[in-house]
PDB file of all heavy atoms in Angstrom:
ATOM      1  N   TRP A   1       0.810  -1.206   0.000  1.00  0.00           N
ATOM      2  CA  TRP A   1       0.000   0.000   0.000  1.00  0.00           C
ATOM      3  C   TRP A   1       0.850   1.266   0.000  1.00  0.00           C
ATOM      4  O   TRP A   1       1.892   1.329   0.649  1.00  0.00           O
ATOM      5  CB  TRP A   1      -0.917   0.042   1.223  1.00  0.00           C
ATOM      6  CG  TRP A   1      -1.922  -1.059   1.296  1.00  0.00           C
ATOM      7  CD1 TRP A   1      -1.934  -2.097   2.186  1.00  0.00           C
ATOM      8  CD2 TRP A   1      -3.059  -1.234   0.456  1.00  0.00           C
ATOM      9  NE1 TRP A   1      -3.014  -2.909   1.951  1.00  0.00           N
ATOM     10  CE2 TRP A   1      -3.722  -2.403   0.891  1.00  0.00           C
ATOM     11  CE3 TRP A   1      -3.588  -0.525  -0.625  1.00  0.00           C
ATOM     12  CZ2 TRP A   1      -4.879  -2.871   0.289  1.00  0.00           C
ATOM     13  CZ3 TRP A   1      -4.743  -0.985  -1.230  1.00  0.00           C
ATOM     14  CH2 TRP A   1      -5.378  -2.149  -0.777  1.00  0.00           C
ATOM     15  N   GLN A   2       0.353   2.295  -0.680  1.00  0.00           N
ATOM     16  CA  GLN A   2       0.868   3.652  -0.560  1.00  0.00           C
ATOM     17  C   GLN A   2      -0.241   4.502   0.065  1.00  0.00           C
ATOM     18  O   GLN A   2      -1.189   4.891  -0.595  1.00  0.00           O
ATOM     19  CB  GLN A   2       1.238   4.244  -1.915  1.00  0.00           C
ATOM     20  CG  GLN A   2       1.587   5.734  -1.874  1.00  0.00           C
ATOM     21  CD  GLN A   2       2.698   6.058  -0.890  1.00  0.00           C
ATOM     22  OE1 GLN A   2       3.827   5.628  -1.057  1.00  0.00           O
ATOM     23  NE2 GLN A   2       2.377   6.807   0.163  1.00  0.00           N
ATOM     24  N   PRO A   3      -0.123   4.763   1.388  1.00  0.00           N
ATOM     25  CA  PRO A   3      -1.187   5.528   2.051  1.00  0.00           C
ATOM     26  C   PRO A   3      -1.188   6.998   1.636  1.00  0.00           C
ATOM     27  O   PRO A   3      -0.137   7.614   1.454  1.00  0.00           O
ATOM     28  CB  PRO A   3      -0.852   5.377   3.542  1.00  0.00           C
ATOM     29  CG  PRO A   3       0.061   4.187   3.632  1.00  0.00           C
ATOM     30  CD  PRO A   3       0.848   4.215   2.349  1.00  0.00           C
ATOM     31  N   TYR A   4      -2.388   7.534   1.498  1.00  0.00           N
ATOM     32  CA  TYR A   4      -2.616   8.959   1.295  1.00  0.00           C
ATOM     33  C   TYR A   4      -3.645   9.409   2.327  1.00  0.00           C
ATOM     34  O   TYR A   4      -4.753   8.866   2.371  1.00  0.00           O
ATOM     35  CB  TYR A   4      -3.163   9.265  -0.100  1.00  0.00           C
ATOM     36  CG  TYR A   4      -2.198   8.994  -1.224  1.00  0.00           C
ATOM     37  CD1 TYR A   4      -2.169   7.753  -1.861  1.00  0.00           C
ATOM     38  CD2 TYR A   4      -1.327   9.984  -1.676  1.00  0.00           C
ATOM     39  CE1 TYR A   4      -1.293   7.500  -2.906  1.00  0.00           C
ATOM     40  CE2 TYR A   4      -0.439   9.743  -2.723  1.00  0.00           C
ATOM     41  CZ  TYR A   4      -0.436   8.497  -3.326  1.00  0.00           C
ATOM     42  OH  TYR A   4       0.435   8.250  -4.365  1.00  0.00           O
ATOM     43  N   VAL A   5      -3.279  10.385   3.142  1.00  0.00           N
ATOM     44  CA  VAL A   5      -4.235  10.973   4.076  1.00  0.00           C
ATOM     45  C   VAL A   5      -5.034  12.016   3.297  1.00  0.00           C
ATOM     46  O   VAL A   5      -4.457  12.948   2.723  1.00  0.00           O
ATOM     47  CB  VAL A   5      -3.530  11.625   5.273  1.00  0.00           C
ATOM     48  CG1 VAL A   5      -4.562  12.152   6.272  1.00  0.00           C
ATOM     49  CG2 VAL A   5      -2.587  10.643   5.944  1.00  0.00           C
ATOM     50  N   VAL A   6      -6.331  11.863   3.263  1.00  0.00           N
ATOM     51  CA  VAL A   6      -7.172  12.771   2.482  1.00  0.00           C
ATOM     52  C   VAL A   6      -7.642  13.899   3.399  1.00  0.00           C
ATOM     53  O   VAL A   6      -8.391  13.668   4.357  1.00  0.00           O
ATOM     54  CB  VAL A   6      -8.364  12.031   1.866  1.00  0.00           C
ATOM     55  CG1 VAL A   6      -9.175  12.967   0.985  1.00  0.00           C
ATOM     56  CG2 VAL A   6      -7.881  10.823   1.057  1.00  0.00           C
ATOM     57  N   PHE A   7      -7.182  15.123   3.093  1.00  0.00           N
ATOM     58  CA  PHE A   7      -7.465  16.256   3.977  1.00  0.00           C
ATOM     59  C   PHE A   7      -7.197  17.545   3.208  1.00  0.00           C
ATOM     60  O   PHE A   7      -6.325  17.568   2.323  1.00  0.00           O
ATOM     61  CB  PHE A   7      -6.570  16.189   5.228  1.00  0.00           C
ATOM     62  CG  PHE A   7      -7.131  16.922   6.414  1.00  0.00           C
ATOM     63  CD1 PHE A   7      -8.206  16.401   7.119  1.00  0.00           C
ATOM     64  CD2 PHE A   7      -6.599  18.141   6.816  1.00  0.00           C
ATOM     65  CE1 PHE A   7      -8.724  17.074   8.210  1.00  0.00           C
ATOM     66  CE2 PHE A   7      -7.113  18.811   7.907  1.00  0.00           C
ATOM     67  CZ  PHE A   7      -8.181  18.284   8.613  1.00  0.00           C
ATOM     68  N   PRO A   8      -7.906  18.632   3.524  1.00  0.00           N
ATOM     69  CA  PRO A   8      -7.673  19.898   2.813  1.00  0.00           C
ATOM     70  C   PRO A   8      -6.255  20.419   3.023  1.00  0.00           C
ATOM     71  O   PRO A   8      -5.771  20.528   4.154  1.00  0.00           O
ATOM     72  CB  PRO A   8      -8.702  20.849   3.439  1.00  0.00           C
ATOM     73  CG  PRO A   8      -9.770  19.958   3.970  1.00  0.00           C
ATOM     74  CD  PRO A   8      -9.064  18.727   4.438  1.00  0.00           C
ATOM     75  N   GLY A   9      -5.577  20.743   1.921  1.00  0.00           N
ATOM     76  CA  GLY A   9      -4.184  21.160   1.986  1.00  0.00           C
ATOM     77  C   GLY A   9      -3.950  22.449   2.723  1.00  0.00           C
ATOM     78  O   GLY A   9      -2.846  22.694   3.230  1.00  0.00           O
ATOM     79  N   GLU A  10      -4.958  23.312   2.836  1.00  0.00           N
ATOM     80  CA  GLU A  10      -4.776  24.599   3.505  1.00  0.00           C
ATOM     81  C   GLU A  10      -4.453  24.448   4.992  1.00  0.00           C
ATOM     82  O   GLU A  10      -3.960  25.389   5.620  1.00  0.00           O
ATOM     83  CB  GLU A  10      -6.031  25.466   3.338  1.00  0.00           C
ATOM     84  CG  GLU A  10      -7.286  24.841   3.953  1.00  0.00           C
ATOM     85  CD  GLU A  10      -8.563  25.569   3.564  1.00  0.00           C
ATOM     86  OE1 GLU A  10      -8.800  26.667   4.112  1.00  0.00           O
ATOM     87  OE2 GLU A  10      -9.311  25.039   2.722  1.00  0.00           O
ATOM     88  N   PHE A  11      -4.706  23.265   5.551  1.00  0.00           N
ATOM     89  CA  PHE A  11      -4.463  23.045   6.976  1.00  0.00           C
ATOM     90  C   PHE A  11      -3.221  22.189   7.228  1.00  0.00           C
ATOM     91  O   PHE A  11      -2.991  21.749   8.362  1.00  0.00           O
ATOM     92  CB  PHE A  11      -5.675  22.368   7.621  1.00  0.00           C
ATOM     93  CG  PHE A  11      -6.947  23.156   7.492  1.00  0.00           C
ATOM     94  CD1 PHE A  11      -7.897  22.818   6.544  1.00  0.00           C
ATOM     95  CD2 PHE A  11      -7.187  24.261   8.311  1.00  0.00           C
ATOM     96  CE1 PHE A  11      -9.059  23.547   6.410  1.00  0.00           C
ATOM     97  CE2 PHE A  11      -8.349  24.992   8.195  1.00  0.00           C
ATOM     98  CZ  PHE A  11      -9.291  24.645   7.240  1.00  0.00           C
ATOM     99  N   VAL A  12      -2.424  21.943   6.206  1.00  0.00           N
ATOM    100  CA  VAL A  12      -1.309  20.999   6.308  1.00  0.00           C
ATOM    101  C   VAL A  12       0.020  21.745   6.403  1.00  0.00           C
ATOM    102  O   VAL A  12       0.295  22.662   5.630  1.00  0.00           O
ATOM    103  CB  VAL A  12      -1.292  20.056   5.091  1.00  0.00           C
ATOM    104  CG1 VAL A  12      -0.121  19.083   5.187  1.00  0.00           C
ATOM    105  CG2 VAL A  12      -2.608  19.293   4.982  1.00  0.00           C
ATOM    106  N   GLN A  13       0.830  21.322   7.367  1.00  0.00           N
ATOM    107  CA  GLN A  13       2.205  21.813   7.514  1.00  0.00           C
ATOM    108  C   GLN A  13       3.139  20.624   7.681  1.00  0.00           C
ATOM    109  O   GLN A  13       2.840  19.710   8.444  1.00  0.00           O
ATOM    110  CB  GLN A  13       2.320  22.754   8.726  1.00  0.00           C
ATOM    111  CG  GLN A  13       1.597  24.073   8.569  1.00  0.00           C
ATOM    112  CD  GLN A  13       2.199  24.936   7.472  1.00  0.00           C
ATOM    113  OE1 GLN A  13       3.400  24.830   7.177  1.00  0.00           O
ATOM    114  NE2 GLN A  13       1.377  25.781   6.856  1.00  0.00           N
ATOM    115  N   PRO A  14       4.270  20.613   6.970  1.00  0.00           N
ATOM    116  CA  PRO A  14       4.665  21.579   5.949  1.00  0.00           C
ATOM    117  C   PRO A  14       3.887  21.365   4.657  1.00  0.00           C
ATOM    118  O   PRO A  14       3.427  20.249   4.379  1.00  0.00           O
ATOM    119  CB  PRO A  14       6.143  21.279   5.750  1.00  0.00           C
ATOM    120  CG  PRO A  14       6.259  19.824   6.061  1.00  0.00           C
ATOM    121  CD  PRO A  14       5.274  19.553   7.164  1.00  0.00           C
ATOM    122  N   PRO A  15       3.731  22.413   3.851  1.00  0.00           N
ATOM    123  CA  PRO A  15       2.925  22.292   2.627  1.00  0.00           C
ATOM    124  C   PRO A  15       3.492  21.312   1.611  1.00  0.00           C
ATOM    125  O   PRO A  15       2.774  20.878   0.708  1.00  0.00           O
ATOM    126  CB  PRO A  15       2.922  23.729   2.080  1.00  0.00           C
ATOM    127  CG  PRO A  15       4.075  24.407   2.736  1.00  0.00           C
ATOM    128  CD  PRO A  15       4.233  23.772   4.067  1.00  0.00           C
ATOM    129  N   GLU A  16       4.767  20.915   1.765  1.00  0.00           N
ATOM    130  CA  GLU A  16       5.370  19.962   0.831  1.00  0.00           C
ATOM    131  C   GLU A  16       4.719  18.583   0.910  1.00  0.00           C
ATOM    132  O   GLU A  16       4.895  17.758   0.005  1.00  0.00           O
ATOM    133  CB  GLU A  16       6.874  19.832   1.094  1.00  0.00           C
ATOM    134  CG  GLU A  16       7.690  21.065   0.741  1.00  0.00           C
ATOM    135  CD  GLU A  16       7.539  22.192   1.757  1.00  0.00           C
ATOM    136  OE1 GLU A  16       7.119  21.897   2.918  1.00  0.00           O
ATOM    137  OE2 GLU A  16       7.828  23.353   1.403  1.00  0.00           O
ATOM    138  N   ARG A  17       3.996  18.312   1.985  1.00  0.00           N
ATOM    139  CA  ARG A  17       3.309  17.021   2.104  1.00  0.00           C
ATOM    140  C   ARG A  17       2.122  16.915   1.147  1.00  0.00           C
ATOM    141  O   ARG A  17       1.658  15.807   0.854  1.00  0.00           O
ATOM    142  CB  ARG A  17       2.774  16.828   3.531  1.00  0.00           C
ATOM    143  CG  ARG A  17       3.808  16.553   4.594  1.00  0.00           C
ATOM    144  CD  ARG A  17       3.112  16.355   5.933  1.00  0.00           C
ATOM    145  NE  ARG A  17       2.242  15.180   5.961  1.00  0.00           N
ATOM    146  CZ  ARG A  17       1.313  14.973   6.892  1.00  0.00           C
ATOM    147  NH1 ARG A  17       1.101  15.872   7.832  1.00  0.00           N
ATOM    148  NH2 ARG A  17       0.585  13.873   6.849  1.00  0.00           N
ATOM    149  N   VAL A  18       1.617  18.034   0.673  1.00  0.00           N
ATOM    150  CA  VAL A  18       0.357  18.052  -0.061  1.00  0.00           C
ATOM    151  C   VAL A  18       0.562  17.637  -1.517  1.00  0.00           C
ATOM    152  O   VAL A  18       1.475  18.109  -2.194  1.00  0.00           O
ATOM    153  CB  VAL A  18      -0.285  19.454  -0.005  1.00  0.00           C
ATOM    154  CG1 VAL A  18      -1.585  19.479  -0.818  1.00  0.00           C
ATOM    155  CG2 VAL A  18      -0.557  19.852   1.442  1.00  0.00           C
ATOM    156  N   VAL A  19      -0.296  16.733  -1.994  1.00  0.00           N
ATOM    157  CA  VAL A  19      -0.358  16.375  -3.406  1.00  0.00           C
ATOM    158  C   VAL A  19      -1.800  16.543  -3.863  1.00  0.00           C
ATOM    159  O   VAL A  19      -2.737  16.448  -3.064  1.00  0.00           O
ATOM    160  CB  VAL A  19       0.119  14.932  -3.661  1.00  0.00           C
ATOM    161  CG1 VAL A  19       1.569  14.762  -3.242  1.00  0.00           C
ATOM    162  CG2 VAL A  19      -0.767  13.924  -2.923  1.00  0.00           C
ATOM    163  N   HIS A  20      -1.968  16.814  -5.145  1.00  0.00           N
ATOM    164  CA  HIS A  20      -3.308  17.007  -5.697  1.00  0.00           C
ATOM    165  C   HIS A  20      -3.658  15.956  -6.743  1.00  0.00           C
ATOM    166  O   HIS A  20      -4.803  15.894  -7.195  1.00  0.00           O
ATOM    167  CB  HIS A  20      -3.431  18.402  -6.321  1.00  0.00           C
ATOM    168  CG  HIS A  20      -3.227  19.514  -5.344  1.00  0.00           C
ATOM    169  ND1 HIS A  20      -4.151  19.834  -4.367  1.00  0.00           N
ATOM    170  CD2 HIS A  20      -2.189  20.379  -5.176  1.00  0.00           C
ATOM    171  CE1 HIS A  20      -3.699  20.857  -3.653  1.00  0.00           C
ATOM    172  NE2 HIS A  20      -2.508  21.196  -4.115  1.00  0.00           N
ATOM    173  N   GLU A  21      -2.686  15.127  -7.106  1.00  0.00           N
ATOM    174  CA  GLU A  21      -2.904  14.097  -8.105  1.00  0.00           C
ATOM    175  C   GLU A  21      -2.209  12.815  -7.684  1.00  0.00           C
ATOM    176  O   GLU A  21      -1.327  12.829  -6.813  1.00  0.00           O
ATOM    177  CB  GLU A  21      -2.364  14.548  -9.469  1.00  0.00           C
ATOM    178  CG  GLU A  21      -3.040  15.790 -10.028  1.00  0.00           C
ATOM    179  CD  GLU A  21      -2.438  16.215 -11.343  1.00  0.00           C
ATOM    180  OE1 GLU A  21      -1.368  15.673 -11.706  1.00  0.00           O
ATOM    181  OE2 GLU A  21      -3.020  17.085 -12.009  1.00  0.00           O
ATOM    182  N   LEU A  22      -2.584  11.722  -8.332  1.00  0.00           N
ATOM    183  CA  LEU A  22      -1.944  10.433  -8.118  1.00  0.00           C
ATOM    184  C   LEU A  22      -1.173  10.046  -9.375  1.00  0.00           C
ATOM    185  O   LEU A  22      -1.480  10.527 -10.475  1.00  0.00           O
ATOM    186  CB  LEU A  22      -2.984   9.355  -7.802  1.00  0.00           C
ATOM    187  CG  LEU A  22      -3.855   9.562  -6.567  1.00  0.00           C
ATOM    188  CD1 LEU A  22      -4.765   8.363  -6.377  1.00  0.00           C
ATOM    189  CD2 LEU A  22      -3.010   9.792  -5.320  1.00  0.00           C
ATOM    190  N   PRO A  23      -0.174   9.178  -9.249  1.00  0.00           N
ATOM    191  CA  PRO A  23       0.539   8.708 -10.446  1.00  0.00           C
ATOM    192  C   PRO A  23      -0.426   8.086 -11.443  1.00  0.00           C
ATOM    193  O   PRO A  23      -1.315   7.315 -11.071  1.00  0.00           O
ATOM    194  CB  PRO A  23       1.514   7.661  -9.888  1.00  0.00           C
ATOM    195  CG  PRO A  23       1.688   8.036  -8.452  1.00  0.00           C
ATOM    196  CD  PRO A  23       0.374   8.599  -8.005  1.00  0.00           C
ATOM    197  N   GLN A  24      -0.251   8.401 -12.702  1.00  0.00           N
ATOM    198  CA  GLN A  24      -1.176   7.944 -13.751  1.00  0.00           C
ATOM    199  C   GLN A  24      -0.545   6.837 -14.603  1.00  0.00           C
ATOM    200  O   GLN A  24      -0.520   6.918 -15.824  1.00  0.00           O
ATOM    201  CB  GLN A  24      -1.562   9.126 -14.640  1.00  0.00           C
ATOM    202  CG  GLN A  24      -2.276  10.252 -13.918  1.00  0.00           C
ATOM    203  CD  GLN A  24      -3.670   9.871 -13.466  1.00  0.00           C
ATOM    204  OE1 GLN A  24      -4.436   9.310 -14.242  1.00  0.00           O
ATOM    205  NE2 GLN A  24      -3.995  10.138 -12.218  1.00  0.00           N
ATOM    206  N   ASP A  25      -0.033   5.793 -13.953  1.00  0.00           N
ATOM    207  CA  ASP A  25       0.595   4.723 -14.729  1.00  0.00           C
ATOM    208  C   ASP A  25      -0.304   3.506 -14.879  1.00  0.00           C
ATOM    209  O   ASP A  25       0.139   2.446 -15.303  1.00  0.00           O
ATOM    210  CB  ASP A  25       1.926   4.321 -14.098  1.00  0.00           C
ATOM    211  CG  ASP A  25       1.766   3.784 -12.665  1.00  0.00           C
ATOM    212  OD1 ASP A  25       0.622   3.651 -12.195  1.00  0.00           O
ATOM    213  OD2 ASP A  25       2.789   3.517 -12.033  1.00  0.00           O
ATOM    214  N   GLY A  26      -1.579   3.671 -14.476  1.00  0.00           N
ATOM    215  CA  GLY A  26      -2.543   2.592 -14.728  1.00  0.00           C
ATOM    216  C   GLY A  26      -2.388   1.371 -13.849  1.00  0.00           C
ATOM    217  O   GLY A  26      -2.955   0.334 -14.119  1.00  0.00           O
ATOM    218  N   GLY A  27      -1.623   1.461 -12.755  1.00  0.00           N
ATOM    219  CA  GLY A  27      -1.507   0.325 -11.854  1.00  0.00           C
ATOM    220  C   GLY A  27      -0.622  -0.776 -12.384  1.00  0.00           C
ATOM    221  O   GLY A  27      -0.939  -1.956 -12.273  1.00  0.00           O
ATOM    222  N   GLY A  28       0.509  -0.422 -12.984  1.00  0.00           N
ATOM    223  CA  GLY A  28       1.408  -1.418 -13.546  1.00  0.00           C
ATOM    224  C   GLY A  28       2.112  -2.244 -12.494  1.00  0.00           C
ATOM    225  O   GLY A  28       2.005  -1.998 -11.295  1.00  0.00           O
ATOM    226  N   ALA A  29       2.860  -3.236 -12.956  1.00  0.00           N
ATOM    227  CA  ALA A  29       3.569  -4.138 -12.046  1.00  0.00           C
ATOM    228  C   ALA A  29       4.548  -3.351 -11.181  1.00  0.00           C
ATOM    229  O   ALA A  29       5.265  -2.474 -11.657  1.00  0.00           O
ATOM    230  CB  ALA A  29       4.308  -5.194 -12.856  1.00  0.00           C
TER     231      ALA A  29
END
């Protein structure tokens, strides 16, 4: 698993933790 905590980025410190997209490789091996 690659965990992602789902939460509004405006409340996150440091802001470098925030992502808005996931890798788009289609779930390859």
